[in-house]
Amino acid sequence: MKAVEIGGMQKFDPSGDVGSVGIRWEKWLRGFRLYSQGKGVNDPGQMKSLLLHSAGNEVQDIYYTLQEPDPGDNETVFNVTCTLLTNHFSPLKKCAL
């Protein structure tokens, strides 16, 4: 595994307006993907750890209360983690009328 300097990402704040948390998560996750790509991190396990570290303690607490499925043949632990958290935050999006 490659050693990586950690820094540069603001933690994700899952509190506040519940109607915007899903959209804010998607934007944060997009930024994280760009950040990790720029850092040259491509090992799925390392990306998962970096995501949870970068997102902060509140997201870690949420993550560790959710039941993470085993990754399938075509999934990585990073993709499973992203899907799990996205599914958690997405129902909190406001419905467009």
C-alpha atoms as a PDB file:
ATOM      1  CA  MET A   1       0.000   0.000   0.000  1.00  0.00           C
ATOM      2  CA  LYS A   2       1.039   3.541  -0.666  1.00  0.00           C
ATOM      3  CA  ALA A   3       1.581   5.952   2.236  1.00  0.00           C
ATOM      4  CA  VAL A   4      -0.577   9.029   1.789  1.00  0.00           C
ATOM      5  CA  GLU A   5      -0.443  12.453   3.391  1.00  0.00           C
ATOM      6  CA  ILE A   6      -3.897  13.100   4.837  1.00  0.00           C
ATOM      7  CA  GLY A   7      -5.345  16.581   4.663  1.00  0.00           C
ATOM      8  CA  GLY A   8      -7.195  18.863   2.337  1.00  0.00           C
ATOM      9  CA  MET A   9     -10.760  17.573   2.684  1.00  0.00           C
ATOM     10  CA  GLN A  10     -13.293  19.161   4.989  1.00  0.00           C
ATOM     11  CA  LYS A  11     -15.246  16.712   7.100  1.00  0.00           C
ATOM     12  CA  PHE A  12     -18.809  15.966   6.039  1.00  0.00           C
ATOM     13  CA  ASP A  13     -21.498  17.401   8.309  1.00  0.00           C
ATOM     14  CA  PRO A  14     -24.499  15.044   8.321  1.00  0.00           C
ATOM     15  CA  SER A  15     -26.461  17.319  10.651  1.00  0.00           C
ATOM     16  CA  GLY A  16     -28.481  20.381   9.758  1.00  0.00           C
ATOM     17  CA  ASP A  17     -31.230  20.486   7.162  1.00  0.00           C
ATOM     18  CA  VAL A  18     -32.222  16.845   6.582  1.00  0.00           C
ATOM     19  CA  GLY A  19     -33.676  17.821   3.219  1.00  0.00           C
ATOM     20  CA  SER A  20     -30.253  18.728   1.895  1.00  0.00           C
ATOM     21  CA  VAL A  21     -28.048  16.065   3.481  1.00  0.00           C
ATOM     22  CA  GLY A  22     -28.378  13.623   0.561  1.00  0.00           C
ATOM     23  CA  ILE A  23     -27.390  16.227  -2.000  1.00  0.00           C
ATOM     24  CA  ARG A  24     -24.580  17.522   0.222  1.00  0.00           C
ATOM     25  CA  TRP A  25     -23.288  13.946   0.636  1.00  0.00           C
ATOM     26  CA  GLU A  26     -23.256  13.366  -3.127  1.00  0.00           C
ATOM     27  CA  LYS A  27     -21.257  16.584  -3.628  1.00  0.00           C
ATOM     28  CA  TRP A  28     -18.863  15.704  -0.810  1.00  0.00           C
ATOM     29  CA  LEU A  29     -18.370  12.190  -2.200  1.00  0.00           C
ATOM     30  CA  ARG A  30     -17.677  13.609  -5.680  1.00  0.00           C
ATOM     31  CA  GLY A  31     -15.044  15.883  -4.130  1.00  0.00           C
ATOM     32  CA  PHE A  32     -13.557  12.945  -2.229  1.00  0.00           C
ATOM     33  CA  ARG A  33     -13.252  10.895  -5.416  1.00  0.00           C
ATOM     34  CA  LEU A  34     -11.392  13.774  -7.079  1.00  0.00           C
ATOM     35  CA  TYR A  35      -9.210  14.241  -3.996  1.00  0.00           C
ATOM     36  CA  SER A  36      -8.262  10.569  -3.723  1.00  0.00           C
ATOM     37  CA  GLN A  37      -7.579  10.352  -7.453  1.00  0.00           C
ATOM     38  CA  GLY A  38      -5.350  13.423  -7.203  1.00  0.00           C
ATOM     39  CA  LYS A  39      -3.493  11.813  -4.305  1.00  0.00           C
ATOM     40  CA  GLY A  40      -2.946   8.676  -6.403  1.00  0.00           C
ATOM     41  CA  VAL A  41      -4.898   6.406  -4.053  1.00  0.00           C
ATOM     42  CA  ASN A  42      -6.503   3.530  -5.950  1.00  0.00           C
ATOM     43  CA  ASP A  43      -6.430   0.589  -3.525  1.00  0.00           C
ATOM     44  CA  PRO A  44     -10.082  -0.010  -2.516  1.00  0.00           C
ATOM     45  CA  GLY A  45      -9.277  -0.766   1.135  1.00  0.00           C
ATOM     46  CA  GLN A  46      -7.116   2.317   1.451  1.00  0.00           C
ATOM     47  CA  MET A  47      -9.787   4.434  -0.277  1.00  0.00           C
ATOM     48  CA  LYS A  48     -12.402   3.171   2.194  1.00  0.00           C
ATOM     49  CA  SER A  49     -10.190   4.056   5.160  1.00  0.00           C
ATOM     50  CA  LEU A  50      -9.346   7.463   3.698  1.00  0.00           C
ATOM     51  CA  LEU A  51     -13.033   8.163   3.022  1.00  0.00           C
ATOM     52  CA  LEU A  52     -14.064   7.312   6.582  1.00  0.00           C
ATOM     53  CA  HIS A  53     -11.186   9.303   8.032  1.00  0.00           C
ATOM     54  CA  SER A  54     -11.843  12.312   5.797  1.00  0.00           C
ATOM     55  CA  ALA A  55     -15.600  12.270   6.392  1.00  0.00           C
ATOM     56  CA  GLY A  56     -15.096  12.542  10.142  1.00  0.00           C
ATOM     57  CA  ASN A  57     -16.310  10.989  13.369  1.00  0.00           C
ATOM     58  CA  GLU A  58     -20.028  11.593  12.794  1.00  0.00           C
ATOM     59  CA  VAL A  59     -19.969   9.701   9.489  1.00  0.00           C
ATOM     60  CA  GLN A  60     -17.827   6.979  11.062  1.00  0.00           C
ATOM     61  CA  ASP A  61     -20.425   6.577  13.819  1.00  0.00           C
ATOM     62  CA  ILE A  62     -23.185   6.274  11.209  1.00  0.00           C
ATOM     63  CA  TYR A  63     -21.145   3.821   9.129  1.00  0.00           C
ATOM     64  CA  TYR A  64     -20.398   1.537  12.059  1.00  0.00           C
ATOM     65  CA  THR A  65     -24.097   1.322  12.976  1.00  0.00           C
ATOM     66  CA  LEU A  66     -25.052   0.182   9.457  1.00  0.00           C
ATOM     67  CA  GLN A  67     -24.838  -3.427   8.332  1.00  0.00           C
ATOM     68  CA  GLU A  68     -22.268  -3.594   5.556  1.00  0.00           C
ATOM     69  CA  PRO A  69     -22.829  -6.450   3.108  1.00  0.00           C
ATOM     70  CA  ASP A  70     -19.900  -8.464   1.828  1.00  0.00           C
ATOM     71  CA  PRO A  71     -18.669  -7.125  -1.496  1.00  0.00           C
ATOM     72  CA  GLY A  72     -19.803  -9.213  -4.449  1.00  0.00           C
ATOM     73  CA  ASP A  73     -17.473 -10.441  -7.156  1.00  0.00           C
ATOM     74  CA  ASN A  74     -17.677  -7.179  -9.090  1.00  0.00           C
ATOM     75  CA  GLU A  75     -17.710  -4.836  -6.083  1.00  0.00           C
ATOM     76  CA  THR A  76     -14.910  -3.425  -3.971  1.00  0.00           C
ATOM     77  CA  VAL A  77     -15.039  -2.599  -0.276  1.00  0.00           C
ATOM     78  CA  PHE A  78     -14.823   1.072  -1.267  1.00  0.00           C
ATOM     79  CA  ASN A  79     -17.822   0.857  -3.626  1.00  0.00           C
ATOM     80  CA  VAL A  80     -19.848  -1.042  -1.030  1.00  0.00           C
ATOM     81  CA  THR A  81     -19.035   1.607   1.589  1.00  0.00           C
ATOM     82  CA  CYS A  82     -20.018   4.426  -0.791  1.00  0.00           C
ATOM     83  CA  THR A  83     -23.286   2.692  -1.669  1.00  0.00           C
ATOM     84  CA  LEU A  84     -24.091   2.000   1.975  1.00  0.00           C
ATOM     85  CA  LEU A  85     -23.579   5.625   3.014  1.00  0.00           C
ATOM     86  CA  THR A  86     -25.291   7.019  -0.087  1.00  0.00           C
ATOM     87  CA  ASN A  87     -28.323   4.815   0.573  1.00  0.00           C
ATOM     88  CA  HIS A  88     -28.364   6.044   4.157  1.00  0.00           C
ATOM     89  CA  PHE A  89     -28.259   9.730   3.211  1.00  0.00           C
ATOM     90  CA  SER A  90     -30.314   9.615  -0.016  1.00  0.00           C
ATOM     91  CA  PRO A  91     -33.755   9.059   1.523  1.00  0.00           C
ATOM     92  CA  LEU A  92     -33.209  12.343   3.272  1.00  0.00           C
ATOM     93  CA  LYS A  93     -33.264  14.299  -0.024  1.00  0.00           C
ATOM     94  CA  LYS A  94     -36.177  16.647  -0.566  1.00  0.00           C
ATOM     95  CA  CYS A  95     -38.617  15.499  -3.183  1.00  0.00           C
ATOM     96  CA  ALA A  96     -38.932  17.912  -6.090  1.00  0.00           C
ATOM     97  CA  LEU A  97     -42.534  18.981  -6.588  1.00  0.00           C
END
